[in-house]
Amino acid sequence: MKSFAKLNIFLKIVGTRGNYHEINSRFILLNDIYDEIDFKLSDKFYIESNYDIDDNIVLKAKKELEKSGYKNELDEYFKNHKIVLKKNIPMGGGMGGGSSNAATFLKLANEELNLNIKTEKLAEIASKIGSDVPFFVYNYPSANVSGVGENVVYFDDEIPQIDLIMPNISCETPKVYREFRDKFMQNIDIKQADNFMKTKSNELLGVYKNYELNDLFLPCLSLYPKMKDFDDKFLSGSGSTMFSLKGAK
């Protein structure tokens, strides 16, 4: 099953909830960049991957599904199946690769084990795994995401044609958010964040500057000076993936 990447057209921080940050954001699905997850017969359970999978979020997804009442089914199935994970989405790039893998595991397990879990319930389980995971359960082409990621609403959008830039820099999401909280929290603009939720993605990218669309842009550049080589581009999530409208200079 394909496990797609995402891009944030905008990401505005509108408050905090304990150690978490409440956001208004537009997520779009990238259908041409994806990892792949499959379940294959095996004499024991393990994750086979082309990437180091220590502390893998897919295992966290499996545990959350077990805690939601499906432990017996999962134990029985994975006595003789392994998870095969082929990674293509860059790690530490702000494209949601790990979150997408977790959501894809939930959907594939639901399908293969005939668990018959409704999408809304699956998204509720996903919200316990990570803030971006519910979006990937729904897999909308474009969605407004709010709260700490648990509110995902389909958005009737004109999906922009974009060029991606993937710097060889790994940005640590918790560090970037901490930098925002420490140095940029006073810049929160809730009214602008609400207006962005009503505006189509093409218009946003044509009108607003990168630091206006993504509150993590300046914190990211502050922590990772090499990102300044790309400061004329838009930033996805906490970085490091940058993007521009296709054909833009």
C-alpha atoms as a PDB file:
ATOM      1  CA  MET A   1       0.000   0.000   0.000  1.00  0.00           C
ATOM      2  CA  LYS A   2       1.355   3.421  -0.944  1.00  0.00           C
ATOM      3  CA  SER A   3       2.168   5.778   1.920  1.00  0.00           C
ATOM      4  CA  PHE A   4       2.065   9.297   0.464  1.00  0.00           C
ATOM      5  CA  ALA A   5       3.975  12.431   1.466  1.00  0.00           C
ATOM      6  CA  LYS A   6       2.367  15.772   2.281  1.00  0.00           C
ATOM      7  CA  LEU A   7       3.166  19.443   1.920  1.00  0.00           C
ATOM      8  CA  ASN A   8       2.067  22.336   4.134  1.00  0.00           C
ATOM      9  CA  ILE A   9       0.889  25.290   2.062  1.00  0.00           C
ATOM     10  CA  PHE A  10       0.693  27.275   5.278  1.00  0.00           C
ATOM     11  CA  LEU A  11       1.261  26.495   8.936  1.00  0.00           C
ATOM     12  CA  LYS A  12       0.126  29.022  11.529  1.00  0.00           C
ATOM     13  CA  ILE A  13       0.488  28.484  15.255  1.00  0.00           C
ATOM     14  CA  VAL A  14      -2.578  29.771  17.103  1.00  0.00           C
ATOM     15  CA  GLY A  15      -1.942  28.625  20.678  1.00  0.00           C
ATOM     16  CA  THR A  16      -0.535  25.951  22.944  1.00  0.00           C
ATOM     17  CA  ARG A  17      -1.987  22.906  24.674  1.00  0.00           C
ATOM     18  CA  GLY A  18       0.479  21.749  27.311  1.00  0.00           C
ATOM     19  CA  ASN A  19       3.664  20.905  25.439  1.00  0.00           C
ATOM     20  CA  TYR A  20       1.816  20.828  22.120  1.00  0.00           C
ATOM     21  CA  HIS A  21       1.142  23.658  19.682  1.00  0.00           C
ATOM     22  CA  GLU A  22      -2.311  24.299  18.242  1.00  0.00           C
ATOM     23  CA  ILE A  23      -2.195  25.022  14.534  1.00  0.00           C
ATOM     24  CA  ASN A  24      -4.175  26.139  11.530  1.00  0.00           C
ATOM     25  CA  SER A  25      -2.679  24.514   8.455  1.00  0.00           C
ATOM     26  CA  ARG A  26      -3.390  23.437   4.876  1.00  0.00           C
ATOM     27  CA  PHE A  27      -2.094  19.989   4.004  1.00  0.00           C
ATOM     28  CA  ILE A  28      -1.942  18.748   0.421  1.00  0.00           C
ATOM     29  CA  LEU A  29      -1.198  15.145  -0.529  1.00  0.00           C
ATOM     30  CA  LEU A  30       1.772  14.474  -2.830  1.00  0.00           C
ATOM     31  CA  ASN A  31       0.708  11.525  -4.971  1.00  0.00           C
ATOM     32  CA  ASP A  32       4.063  11.170  -6.730  1.00  0.00           C
ATOM     33  CA  ILE A  33       6.214  10.826  -3.582  1.00  0.00           C
ATOM     34  CA  TYR A  34       5.490   7.827  -1.391  1.00  0.00           C
ATOM     35  CA  ASP A  35       6.837   5.005   0.749  1.00  0.00           C
ATOM     36  CA  GLU A  36       5.387   1.506   0.450  1.00  0.00           C
ATOM     37  CA  ILE A  37       4.137  -0.781   3.222  1.00  0.00           C
ATOM     38  CA  ASP A  38       3.156  -4.427   2.829  1.00  0.00           C
ATOM     39  CA  PHE A  39       2.522  -7.414   5.081  1.00  0.00           C
ATOM     40  CA  LYS A  40       4.345 -10.573   3.985  1.00  0.00           C
ATOM     41  CA  LEU A  41       4.368 -14.150   5.273  1.00  0.00           C
ATOM     42  CA  SER A  42       7.202 -14.819   7.718  1.00  0.00           C
ATOM     43  CA  ASP A  43       8.137 -17.316  10.435  1.00  0.00           C
ATOM     44  CA  LYS A  44       8.192 -14.451  12.968  1.00  0.00           C
ATOM     45  CA  PHE A  45       7.164 -10.812  13.308  1.00  0.00           C
ATOM     46  CA  TYR A  46       9.616  -8.028  12.530  1.00  0.00           C
ATOM     47  CA  ILE A  47       9.891  -4.922  10.367  1.00  0.00           C
ATOM     48  CA  GLU A  48      11.997  -5.301   7.238  1.00  0.00           C
ATOM     49  CA  SER A  49      13.085  -1.941   5.874  1.00  0.00           C
ATOM     50  CA  ASN A  50      15.688  -0.201   3.743  1.00  0.00           C
ATOM     51  CA  TYR A  51      15.972   2.376   6.550  1.00  0.00           C
ATOM     52  CA  ASP A  52      17.046   2.188  10.206  1.00  0.00           C
ATOM     53  CA  ILE A  53      13.758   1.557  12.023  1.00  0.00           C
ATOM     54  CA  ASP A  54      14.760   2.004  15.680  1.00  0.00           C
ATOM     55  CA  ASP A  55      11.859   3.537  17.618  1.00  0.00           C
ATOM     56  CA  ASN A  56       9.733   3.220  14.495  1.00  0.00           C
ATOM     57  CA  ILE A  57       6.371   4.989  14.460  1.00  0.00           C
ATOM     58  CA  VAL A  58       4.812   1.963  12.721  1.00  0.00           C
ATOM     59  CA  LEU A  59       5.376  -0.058  15.906  1.00  0.00           C
ATOM     60  CA  LYS A  60       3.699   2.742  17.848  1.00  0.00           C
ATOM     61  CA  ALA A  61       0.724   2.509  15.472  1.00  0.00           C
ATOM     62  CA  LYS A  62       0.565  -1.256  16.039  1.00  0.00           C
ATOM     63  CA  LYS A  63       0.557  -0.758  19.815  1.00  0.00           C
ATOM     64  CA  GLU A  64      -2.201   1.874  19.643  1.00  0.00           C
ATOM     65  CA  LEU A  65      -4.328  -0.470  17.541  1.00  0.00           C
ATOM     66  CA  GLU A  66      -3.753  -3.223  20.119  1.00  0.00           C
ATOM     67  CA  LYS A  67      -4.791  -0.876  22.945  1.00  0.00           C
ATOM     68  CA  SER A  68      -7.966  -0.019  21.025  1.00  0.00           C
ATOM     69  CA  GLY A  69      -9.248  -3.580  21.408  1.00  0.00           C
ATOM     70  CA  TYR A  70      -7.607  -5.459  18.541  1.00  0.00           C
ATOM     71  CA  LYS A  71      -4.654  -7.121  20.309  1.00  0.00           C
ATOM     72  CA  ASN A  72      -5.912 -10.685  19.782  1.00  0.00           C
ATOM     73  CA  GLU A  73      -6.420 -10.170  16.053  1.00  0.00           C
ATOM     74  CA  LEU A  74      -3.013  -8.517  15.633  1.00  0.00           C
ATOM     75  CA  ASP A  75      -1.197 -11.149  17.711  1.00  0.00           C
ATOM     76  CA  GLU A  76      -2.752 -13.949  15.685  1.00  0.00           C
ATOM     77  CA  TYR A  77      -2.009 -12.357  12.303  1.00  0.00           C
ATOM     78  CA  PHE A  78       1.555 -11.246  13.036  1.00  0.00           C
ATOM     79  CA  LYS A  79       2.577 -14.659  14.403  1.00  0.00           C
ATOM     80  CA  ASN A  80       3.364 -15.448  10.781  1.00  0.00           C
ATOM     81  CA  HIS A  81       3.619 -12.068   9.050  1.00  0.00           C
ATOM     82  CA  LYS A  82       6.221  -9.325   8.878  1.00  0.00           C
ATOM     83  CA  ILE A  83       5.911  -5.659   7.897  1.00  0.00           C
ATOM     84  CA  VAL A  84       7.903  -4.631   4.829  1.00  0.00           C
ATOM     85  CA  LEU A  85       8.585  -0.897   4.695  1.00  0.00           C
ATOM     86  CA  LYS A  86      10.268   0.672   1.665  1.00  0.00           C
ATOM     87  CA  LYS A  87      11.285   4.265   2.403  1.00  0.00           C
ATOM     88  CA  ASN A  88      11.475   6.920  -0.321  1.00  0.00           C
ATOM     89  CA  ILE A  89      10.191  10.026   1.481  1.00  0.00           C
ATOM     90  CA  PRO A  90      13.149  12.002   2.910  1.00  0.00           C
ATOM     91  CA  MET A  91      13.399  11.833   6.700  1.00  0.00           C
ATOM     92  CA  GLY A  92      13.512  15.117   8.611  1.00  0.00           C
ATOM     93  CA  GLY A  93      12.104  16.911   5.596  1.00  0.00           C
ATOM     94  CA  GLY A  94       8.718  18.106   6.847  1.00  0.00           C
ATOM     95  CA  MET A  95       6.849  15.841   4.437  1.00  0.00           C
ATOM     96  CA  GLY A  96       5.241  13.601   7.040  1.00  0.00           C
ATOM     97  CA  GLY A  97       6.876  10.326   6.029  1.00  0.00           C
ATOM     98  CA  GLY A  98       6.718   8.679   9.449  1.00  0.00           C
ATOM     99  CA  SER A  99       3.174   9.885  10.116  1.00  0.00           C
ATOM    100  CA  SER A 100       2.078   8.629   6.717  1.00  0.00           C
ATOM    101  CA  ASN A 101       3.635   5.216   7.464  1.00  0.00           C
ATOM    102  CA  ALA A 102       1.700   4.994  10.737  1.00  0.00           C
ATOM    103  CA  ALA A 103      -1.595   5.860   9.046  1.00  0.00           C
ATOM    104  CA  THR A 104      -0.931   3.450   6.194  1.00  0.00           C
ATOM    105  CA  PHE A 105      -0.249   0.665   8.701  1.00  0.00           C
ATOM    106  CA  LEU A 106      -3.615   1.361  10.373  1.00  0.00           C
ATOM    107  CA  LYS A 107      -5.453   1.290   7.044  1.00  0.00           C
ATOM    108  CA  LEU A 108      -3.666  -1.810   5.788  1.00  0.00           C
ATOM    109  CA  ALA A 109      -4.242  -3.686   9.057  1.00  0.00           C
ATOM    110  CA  ASN A 110      -7.904  -2.667   8.988  1.00  0.00           C
ATOM    111  CA  GLU A 111      -8.203  -4.015   5.446  1.00  0.00           C
ATOM    112  CA  GLU A 112      -6.087  -7.183   5.692  1.00  0.00           C
ATOM    113  CA  LEU A 113      -7.422  -8.298   9.092  1.00  0.00           C
ATOM    114  CA  ASN A 114     -11.046  -7.357   8.290  1.00  0.00           C
ATOM    115  CA  LEU A 115     -11.291  -5.233  11.440  1.00  0.00           C
ATOM    116  CA  ASN A 116     -14.095  -3.111   9.927  1.00  0.00           C
ATOM    117  CA  ILE A 117     -13.020   0.055  11.751  1.00  0.00           C
ATOM    118  CA  LYS A 118     -14.741   3.162  10.405  1.00  0.00           C
ATOM    119  CA  THR A 119     -12.511   5.968   9.096  1.00  0.00           C
ATOM    120  CA  GLU A 120     -13.486   8.354  11.916  1.00  0.00           C
ATOM    121  CA  LYS A 121     -12.510   5.772  14.551  1.00  0.00           C
ATOM    122  CA  LEU A 122      -9.256   5.044  12.734  1.00  0.00           C
ATOM    123  CA  ALA A 123      -8.482   8.785  12.731  1.00  0.00           C
ATOM    124  CA  GLU A 124      -9.189   8.896  16.472  1.00  0.00           C
ATOM    125  CA  ILE A 125      -6.646   6.119  17.021  1.00  0.00           C
ATOM    126  CA  ALA A 126      -4.253   7.958  14.684  1.00  0.00           C
ATOM    127  CA  SER A 127      -4.434  11.120  16.805  1.00  0.00           C
ATOM    128  CA  LYS A 128      -2.839   9.197  19.695  1.00  0.00           C
ATOM    129  CA  ILE A 129       0.176   8.347  17.537  1.00  0.00           C
ATOM    130  CA  GLY A 130       1.150  11.766  16.197  1.00  0.00           C
ATOM    131  CA  SER A 131      -0.301  15.104  15.169  1.00  0.00           C
ATOM    132  CA  ASP A 132       0.029  14.559  11.388  1.00  0.00           C
ATOM    133  CA  VAL A 133      -1.254  10.969  11.374  1.00  0.00           C
ATOM    134  CA  PRO A 134      -5.039  11.687  11.178  1.00  0.00           C
ATOM    135  CA  PHE A 135      -4.594  13.615   7.902  1.00  0.00           C
ATOM    136  CA  PHE A 136      -3.053  10.556   6.268  1.00  0.00           C
ATOM    137  CA  VAL A 137      -5.926   8.347   7.447  1.00  0.00           C
ATOM    138  CA  TYR A 138      -8.329  10.526   5.448  1.00  0.00           C
ATOM    139  CA  ASN A 139      -5.921  11.012   2.499  1.00  0.00           C
ATOM    140  CA  TYR A 140      -7.805  14.073   1.218  1.00  0.00           C
ATOM    141  CA  PRO A 141      -6.077  15.800  -1.737  1.00  0.00           C
ATOM    142  CA  SER A 142      -6.304  19.026   0.290  1.00  0.00           C
ATOM    143  CA  ALA A 143      -7.468  19.576   3.860  1.00  0.00           C
ATOM    144  CA  ASN A 144      -7.570  22.186   6.590  1.00  0.00           C
ATOM    145  CA  VAL A 145      -5.958  20.780   9.719  1.00  0.00           C
ATOM    146  CA  SER A 146      -6.404  22.374  13.146  1.00  0.00           C
ATOM    147  CA  GLY A 147      -6.152  21.742  16.871  1.00  0.00           C
ATOM    148  CA  VAL A 148      -3.088  19.585  17.455  1.00  0.00           C
ATOM    149  CA  GLY A 149      -3.776  17.777  14.182  1.00  0.00           C
ATOM    150  CA  GLU A 150      -6.935  15.929  15.209  1.00  0.00           C
ATOM    151  CA  ASN A 151      -9.337  18.152  13.233  1.00  0.00           C
ATOM    152  CA  VAL A 152      -9.107  17.322   9.522  1.00  0.00           C
ATOM    153  CA  VAL A 153     -11.621  18.921   7.134  1.00  0.00           C
ATOM    154  CA  TYR A 154     -11.699  18.409   3.363  1.00  0.00           C
ATOM    155  CA  PHE A 155     -10.967  21.643   1.475  1.00  0.00           C
ATOM    156  CA  ASP A 156     -12.247  22.267  -2.059  1.00  0.00           C
ATOM    157  CA  ASP A 157      -8.957  23.478  -3.475  1.00  0.00           C
ATOM    158  CA  GLU A 158      -7.112  24.156  -6.695  1.00  0.00           C
ATOM    159  CA  ILE A 159      -4.022  22.037  -6.080  1.00  0.00           C
ATOM    160  CA  PRO A 160      -0.960  24.075  -7.086  1.00  0.00           C
ATOM    161  CA  GLN A 161       1.712  22.759  -9.418  1.00  0.00           C
ATOM    162  CA  ILE A 162       4.923  22.899  -7.428  1.00  0.00           C
ATOM    163  CA  ASP A 163       8.651  22.319  -7.685  1.00  0.00           C
ATOM    164  CA  LEU A 164      10.271  20.667  -4.657  1.00  0.00           C
ATOM    165  CA  ILE A 165      13.697  21.462  -3.252  1.00  0.00           C
ATOM    166  CA  MET A 166      15.097  18.927  -0.805  1.00  0.00           C
ATOM    167  CA  PRO A 167      18.192  20.289   0.959  1.00  0.00           C
ATOM    168  CA  ASN A 168      20.508  17.713   2.500  1.00  0.00           C
ATOM    169  CA  ILE A 169      19.570  19.000   5.952  1.00  0.00           C
ATOM    170  CA  SER A 170      17.546  17.141   8.586  1.00  0.00           C
ATOM    171  CA  CYS A 171      15.419  19.489  10.695  1.00  0.00           C
ATOM    172  CA  GLU A 172      14.264  18.206  14.082  1.00  0.00           C
ATOM    173  CA  THR A 173      10.593  19.097  14.518  1.00  0.00           C
ATOM    174  CA  PRO A 174      10.610  19.424  18.359  1.00  0.00           C
ATOM    175  CA  LYS A 175      13.609  21.776  18.209  1.00  0.00           C
ATOM    176  CA  VAL A 176      11.986  24.015  15.590  1.00  0.00           C
ATOM    177  CA  TYR A 177       8.745  24.285  17.584  1.00  0.00           C
ATOM    178  CA  ARG A 178      10.738  24.995  20.762  1.00  0.00           C
ATOM    179  CA  GLU A 179      12.610  27.776  18.963  1.00  0.00           C
ATOM    180  CA  PHE A 180       9.265  29.272  17.918  1.00  0.00           C
ATOM    181  CA  ARG A 181       7.920  29.105  21.465  1.00  0.00           C
ATOM    182  CA  ASP A 182      11.091  30.650  22.915  1.00  0.00           C
ATOM    183  CA  LYS A 183      11.592  33.473  20.409  1.00  0.00           C
ATOM    184  CA  PHE A 184       8.587  34.006  18.122  1.00  0.00           C
ATOM    185  CA  MET A 185       5.465  33.274  20.199  1.00  0.00           C
ATOM    186  CA  GLN A 186       4.576  36.968  20.397  1.00  0.00           C
ATOM    187  CA  ASN A 187       4.019  37.021  16.615  1.00  0.00           C
ATOM    188  CA  ILE A 188       0.886  34.825  16.674  1.00  0.00           C
ATOM    189  CA  ASP A 189      -1.820  36.217  14.358  1.00  0.00           C
ATOM    190  CA  ILE A 190      -5.035  34.232  14.845  1.00  0.00           C
ATOM    191  CA  LYS A 191      -7.126  36.411  12.506  1.00  0.00           C
ATOM    192  CA  GLN A 192      -4.707  35.860   9.632  1.00  0.00           C
ATOM    193  CA  ALA A 193      -4.582  32.128  10.419  1.00  0.00           C
ATOM    194  CA  ASP A 194      -8.386  31.929  10.208  1.00  0.00           C
ATOM    195  CA  ASN A 195      -8.426  33.841   6.907  1.00  0.00           C
ATOM    196  CA  PHE A 196      -5.879  31.466   5.400  1.00  0.00           C
ATOM    197  CA  MET A 197      -8.234  28.539   6.112  1.00  0.00           C
ATOM    198  CA  LYS A 198     -10.776  30.064   3.676  1.00  0.00           C
ATOM    199  CA  THR A 199      -8.311  30.865   0.873  1.00  0.00           C
ATOM    200  CA  LYS A 200      -7.300  28.546  -1.965  1.00  0.00           C
ATOM    201  CA  SER A 201      -3.698  27.372  -1.988  1.00  0.00           C
ATOM    202  CA  ASN A 202      -2.741  28.949  -5.339  1.00  0.00           C
ATOM    203  CA  GLU A 203      -3.883  32.353  -4.124  1.00  0.00           C
ATOM    204  CA  LEU A 204      -1.986  32.025  -0.842  1.00  0.00           C
ATOM    205  CA  LEU A 205       1.258  31.158  -2.626  1.00  0.00           C
ATOM    206  CA  GLY A 206       0.784  34.001  -5.099  1.00  0.00           C
ATOM    207  CA  VAL A 207       0.107  36.700  -2.506  1.00  0.00           C
ATOM    208  CA  TYR A 208       1.944  35.968   0.745  1.00  0.00           C
ATOM    209  CA  LYS A 209       5.610  35.702   1.657  1.00  0.00           C
ATOM    210  CA  ASN A 210       7.182  32.504   2.961  1.00  0.00           C
ATOM    211  CA  TYR A 211       7.518  33.709   6.560  1.00  0.00           C
ATOM    212  CA  GLU A 212       3.890  34.903   6.537  1.00  0.00           C
ATOM    213  CA  LEU A 213       2.602  31.489   5.458  1.00  0.00           C
ATOM    214  CA  ASN A 214       4.726  29.364   7.784  1.00  0.00           C
ATOM    215  CA  ASP A 215       5.355  30.435  11.379  1.00  0.00           C
ATOM    216  CA  LEU A 216       8.196  27.894  11.549  1.00  0.00           C
ATOM    217  CA  PHE A 217      10.121  29.481   8.666  1.00  0.00           C
ATOM    218  CA  LEU A 218      12.133  31.943  10.776  1.00  0.00           C
ATOM    219  CA  PRO A 219      12.747  29.502  13.669  1.00  0.00           C
ATOM    220  CA  CYS A 220      13.976  26.918  11.147  1.00  0.00           C
ATOM    221  CA  LEU A 221      16.418  29.375   9.558  1.00  0.00           C
ATOM    222  CA  SER A 222      17.566  30.453  13.008  1.00  0.00           C
ATOM    223  CA  LEU A 223      18.465  26.870  13.971  1.00  0.00           C
ATOM    224  CA  TYR A 224      19.790  25.735  10.602  1.00  0.00           C
ATOM    225  CA  PRO A 225      21.773  28.588   8.941  1.00  0.00           C
ATOM    226  CA  LYS A 226      22.360  26.550   5.758  1.00  0.00           C
ATOM    227  CA  MET A 227      18.609  26.805   5.093  1.00  0.00           C
ATOM    228  CA  LYS A 228      19.203  30.486   4.279  1.00  0.00           C
ATOM    229  CA  ASP A 229      20.485  29.346   0.876  1.00  0.00           C
ATOM    230  CA  PHE A 230      16.829  28.664   0.048  1.00  0.00           C
ATOM    231  CA  ASP A 231      15.180  31.619   1.789  1.00  0.00           C
ATOM    232  CA  ASP A 232      13.343  32.685  -1.385  1.00  0.00           C
ATOM    233  CA  LYS A 233      11.308  29.439  -1.303  1.00  0.00           C
ATOM    234  CA  PHE A 234       8.352  28.244   0.778  1.00  0.00           C
ATOM    235  CA  LEU A 235       8.903  25.865   3.704  1.00  0.00           C
ATOM    236  CA  SER A 236       6.857  22.731   4.351  1.00  0.00           C
ATOM    237  CA  GLY A 237       6.165  21.988   8.012  1.00  0.00           C
ATOM    238  CA  SER A 238       9.256  22.352  10.178  1.00  0.00           C
ATOM    239  CA  GLY A 239      11.568  21.743   7.196  1.00  0.00           C
ATOM    240  CA  SER A 240      13.755  21.028   5.493  1.00  0.00           C
ATOM    241  CA  THR A 241      11.707  20.545   2.309  1.00  0.00           C
ATOM    242  CA  MET A 242      11.260  23.800   0.400  1.00  0.00           C
ATOM    243  CA  PHE A 243       9.013  24.424  -2.583  1.00  0.00           C
ATOM    244  CA  SER A 244       7.962  27.013  -5.141  1.00  0.00           C
ATOM    245  CA  LEU A 245       5.177  27.382  -7.657  1.00  0.00           C
ATOM    246  CA  LYS A 246       6.146  25.537 -10.825  1.00  0.00           C
ATOM    247  CA  GLY A 247       7.903  27.887 -13.225  1.00  0.00           C
ATOM    248  CA  ALA A 248       8.576  30.550 -10.581  1.00  0.00           C
ATOM    249  CA  LYS A 249      12.018  32.170 -10.715  1.00  0.00           C
END
